[in-house]
Amino acid sequence: MKHFFKLIIFSLCCLSTPLHASEDIERTNLAKIISEVDFLLQRVEKIKHEAAHNQRIRFHYDDLKNDLKVIRSGVSAYINADINNGRVINPLNGNYH
């Protein structure tokens, strides 16, 4: 019986390690997404300043930047959130013309 409990404790320790490692990998990958969104925000700002302003139909760069910020905020909130807390997800604008 004593060996059985040792086996159970050992098994639980072995199982919990990969879960923790996979959470760390997920957080690292999500942090990369935040970096990529930051890069996209910079590119959108640059493209906005280079765009011709005399076009009949204009792309709404500010709306795109706001949506990217919502995405970045949501990913960041997930990374930093307590697992037991719920969260509110704001809809994207999605209309850029």
C-alpha atoms as a PDB file:
ATOM      1  CA  MET A   1       0.000   0.000   0.000  1.00  0.00           C
ATOM      2  CA  LYS A   2       2.847   2.364   0.876  1.00  0.00           C
ATOM      3  CA  HIS A   3       4.483   1.726  -2.493  1.00  0.00           C
ATOM      4  CA  PHE A   4       1.179   2.341  -4.228  1.00  0.00           C
ATOM      5  CA  PHE A   5       0.939   5.871  -2.738  1.00  0.00           C
ATOM      6  CA  LYS A   6       4.558   6.569  -3.688  1.00  0.00           C
ATOM      7  CA  LEU A   7       3.759   5.453  -7.222  1.00  0.00           C
ATOM      8  CA  ILE A   8       0.716   7.749  -7.366  1.00  0.00           C
ATOM      9  CA  ILE A   9       2.683  10.738  -6.038  1.00  0.00           C
ATOM     10  CA  PHE A  10       5.529  10.059  -8.458  1.00  0.00           C
ATOM     11  CA  SER A  11       3.059   9.766 -11.366  1.00  0.00           C
ATOM     12  CA  LEU A  12       1.366  13.037 -10.450  1.00  0.00           C
ATOM     13  CA  CYS A  13       4.722  14.815 -10.281  1.00  0.00           C
ATOM     14  CA  CYS A  14       5.672  13.471 -13.694  1.00  0.00           C
ATOM     15  CA  LEU A  15       2.353  14.502 -15.204  1.00  0.00           C
ATOM     16  CA  SER A  16       2.355  18.017 -13.772  1.00  0.00           C
ATOM     17  CA  THR A  17       5.796  18.904 -15.144  1.00  0.00           C
ATOM     18  CA  PRO A  18       4.845  18.668 -18.846  1.00  0.00           C
ATOM     19  CA  LEU A  19       1.680  20.679 -18.204  1.00  0.00           C
ATOM     20  CA  HIS A  20       3.669  23.465 -16.622  1.00  0.00           C
ATOM     21  CA  ALA A  21       6.221  23.310 -19.438  1.00  0.00           C
ATOM     22  CA  SER A  22       3.498  23.463 -22.081  1.00  0.00           C
ATOM     23  CA  GLU A  23       1.975  26.507 -20.353  1.00  0.00           C
ATOM     24  CA  ASP A  24       5.372  28.213 -20.450  1.00  0.00           C
ATOM     25  CA  ILE A  25       5.730  27.389 -24.152  1.00  0.00           C
ATOM     26  CA  GLU A  26       2.250  28.737 -24.813  1.00  0.00           C
ATOM     27  CA  ARG A  27       2.994  31.967 -22.950  1.00  0.00           C
ATOM     28  CA  THR A  28       6.276  32.351 -24.848  1.00  0.00           C
ATOM     29  CA  ASN A  29       4.522  31.837 -28.179  1.00  0.00           C
ATOM     30  CA  LEU A  30       1.773  34.288 -27.238  1.00  0.00           C
ATOM     31  CA  ALA A  31       4.402  36.841 -26.227  1.00  0.00           C
ATOM     32  CA  LYS A  32       5.866  36.449 -29.731  1.00  0.00           C
ATOM     33  CA  ILE A  33       2.432  37.240 -31.157  1.00  0.00           C
ATOM     34  CA  ILE A  34       2.352  40.434 -29.079  1.00  0.00           C
ATOM     35  CA  SER A  35       5.752  41.387 -30.523  1.00  0.00           C
ATOM     36  CA  GLU A  36       4.473  40.735 -34.034  1.00  0.00           C
ATOM     37  CA  VAL A  37       1.363  42.832 -33.417  1.00  0.00           C
ATOM     38  CA  ASP A  38       3.617  45.651 -32.155  1.00  0.00           C
ATOM     39  CA  PHE A  39       5.609  45.360 -35.379  1.00  0.00           C
ATOM     40  CA  LEU A  40       2.379  45.488 -37.409  1.00  0.00           C
ATOM     41  CA  LEU A  41       1.288  48.618 -35.539  1.00  0.00           C
ATOM     42  CA  GLN A  42       4.538  50.311 -36.515  1.00  0.00           C
ATOM     43  CA  ARG A  43       4.136  49.220 -40.152  1.00  0.00           C
ATOM     44  CA  VAL A  44       0.541  50.435 -40.296  1.00  0.00           C
ATOM     45  CA  GLU A  45       1.619  53.835 -38.962  1.00  0.00           C
ATOM     46  CA  LYS A  46       4.391  54.063 -41.577  1.00  0.00           C
ATOM     47  CA  ILE A  47       2.065  53.014 -44.397  1.00  0.00           C
ATOM     48  CA  LYS A  48      -0.545  55.511 -43.189  1.00  0.00           C
ATOM     49  CA  HIS A  49       1.937  58.366 -43.499  1.00  0.00           C
ATOM     50  CA  GLU A  50       3.067  57.196 -46.951  1.00  0.00           C
ATOM     51  CA  ALA A  51      -0.474  56.768 -48.318  1.00  0.00           C
ATOM     52  CA  ALA A  52      -1.860  59.184 -50.876  1.00  0.00           C
ATOM     53  CA  HIS A  53      -4.395  61.428 -49.195  1.00  0.00           C
ATOM     54  CA  ASN A  54      -6.227  62.433 -52.362  1.00  0.00           C
ATOM     55  CA  GLN A  55      -7.839  59.052 -53.012  1.00  0.00           C
ATOM     56  CA  ARG A  56     -11.590  58.843 -53.379  1.00  0.00           C
ATOM     57  CA  ILE A  57     -11.772  55.761 -51.171  1.00  0.00           C
ATOM     58  CA  ARG A  58      -9.405  55.705 -48.204  1.00  0.00           C
ATOM     59  CA  PHE A  59      -8.287  52.871 -46.023  1.00  0.00           C
ATOM     60  CA  HIS A  60      -9.099  53.499 -42.347  1.00  0.00           C
ATOM     61  CA  TYR A  61      -5.704  52.925 -40.787  1.00  0.00           C
ATOM     62  CA  ASP A  62      -6.791  54.141 -37.362  1.00  0.00           C
ATOM     63  CA  ASP A  63      -9.530  51.496 -37.216  1.00  0.00           C
ATOM     64  CA  LEU A  64      -6.996  48.821 -38.159  1.00  0.00           C
ATOM     65  CA  LYS A  65      -4.610  50.073 -35.467  1.00  0.00           C
ATOM     66  CA  ASN A  66      -7.420  50.011 -32.902  1.00  0.00           C
ATOM     67  CA  ASP A  67      -8.298  46.421 -33.828  1.00  0.00           C
ATOM     68  CA  LEU A  68      -4.639  45.381 -33.576  1.00  0.00           C
ATOM     69  CA  LYS A  69      -4.491  47.010 -30.147  1.00  0.00           C
ATOM     70  CA  VAL A  70      -7.587  45.045 -29.094  1.00  0.00           C
ATOM     71  CA  ILE A  71      -5.900  41.825 -30.243  1.00  0.00           C
ATOM     72  CA  ARG A  72      -2.673  42.730 -28.416  1.00  0.00           C
ATOM     73  CA  SER A  73      -4.622  43.621 -25.285  1.00  0.00           C
ATOM     74  CA  GLY A  74      -6.575  40.349 -25.381  1.00  0.00           C
ATOM     75  CA  VAL A  75      -3.458  38.216 -25.797  1.00  0.00           C
ATOM     76  CA  SER A  76      -1.676  40.177 -23.073  1.00  0.00           C
ATOM     77  CA  ALA A  77      -4.654  39.833 -20.743  1.00  0.00           C
ATOM     78  CA  TYR A  78      -4.677  36.073 -21.327  1.00  0.00           C
ATOM     79  CA  ILE A  79      -0.969  35.791 -20.555  1.00  0.00           C
ATOM     80  CA  ASN A  80      -1.289  37.826 -17.366  1.00  0.00           C
ATOM     81  CA  ALA A  81      -4.730  36.628 -16.236  1.00  0.00           C
ATOM     82  CA  ASP A  82      -5.558  34.378 -13.377  1.00  0.00           C
ATOM     83  CA  ILE A  83      -6.949  31.176 -14.870  1.00  0.00           C
ATOM     84  CA  ASN A  84      -9.969  31.259 -12.563  1.00  0.00           C
ATOM     85  CA  ASN A  85     -11.124  34.728 -13.651  1.00  0.00           C
ATOM     86  CA  GLY A  86     -13.525  35.308 -16.508  1.00  0.00           C
ATOM     87  CA  ARG A  87     -12.883  38.021 -19.073  1.00  0.00           C
ATOM     88  CA  VAL A  88     -14.740  40.301 -21.444  1.00  0.00           C
ATOM     89  CA  ILE A  89     -13.862  40.072 -25.132  1.00  0.00           C
ATOM     90  CA  ASN A  90     -14.440  43.234 -27.165  1.00  0.00           C
ATOM     91  CA  PRO A  91     -15.513  42.810 -30.815  1.00  0.00           C
ATOM     92  CA  LEU A  92     -13.236  43.956 -33.637  1.00  0.00           C
ATOM     93  CA  ASN A  93     -14.357  46.764 -35.930  1.00  0.00           C
ATOM     94  CA  GLY A  94     -13.406  44.895 -39.115  1.00  0.00           C
ATOM     95  CA  ASN A  95     -14.485  47.750 -41.424  1.00  0.00           C
ATOM     96  CA  TYR A  96     -11.490  49.481 -43.015  1.00  0.00           C
ATOM     97  CA  HIS A  97     -12.951  51.285 -46.032  1.00  0.00           C
END
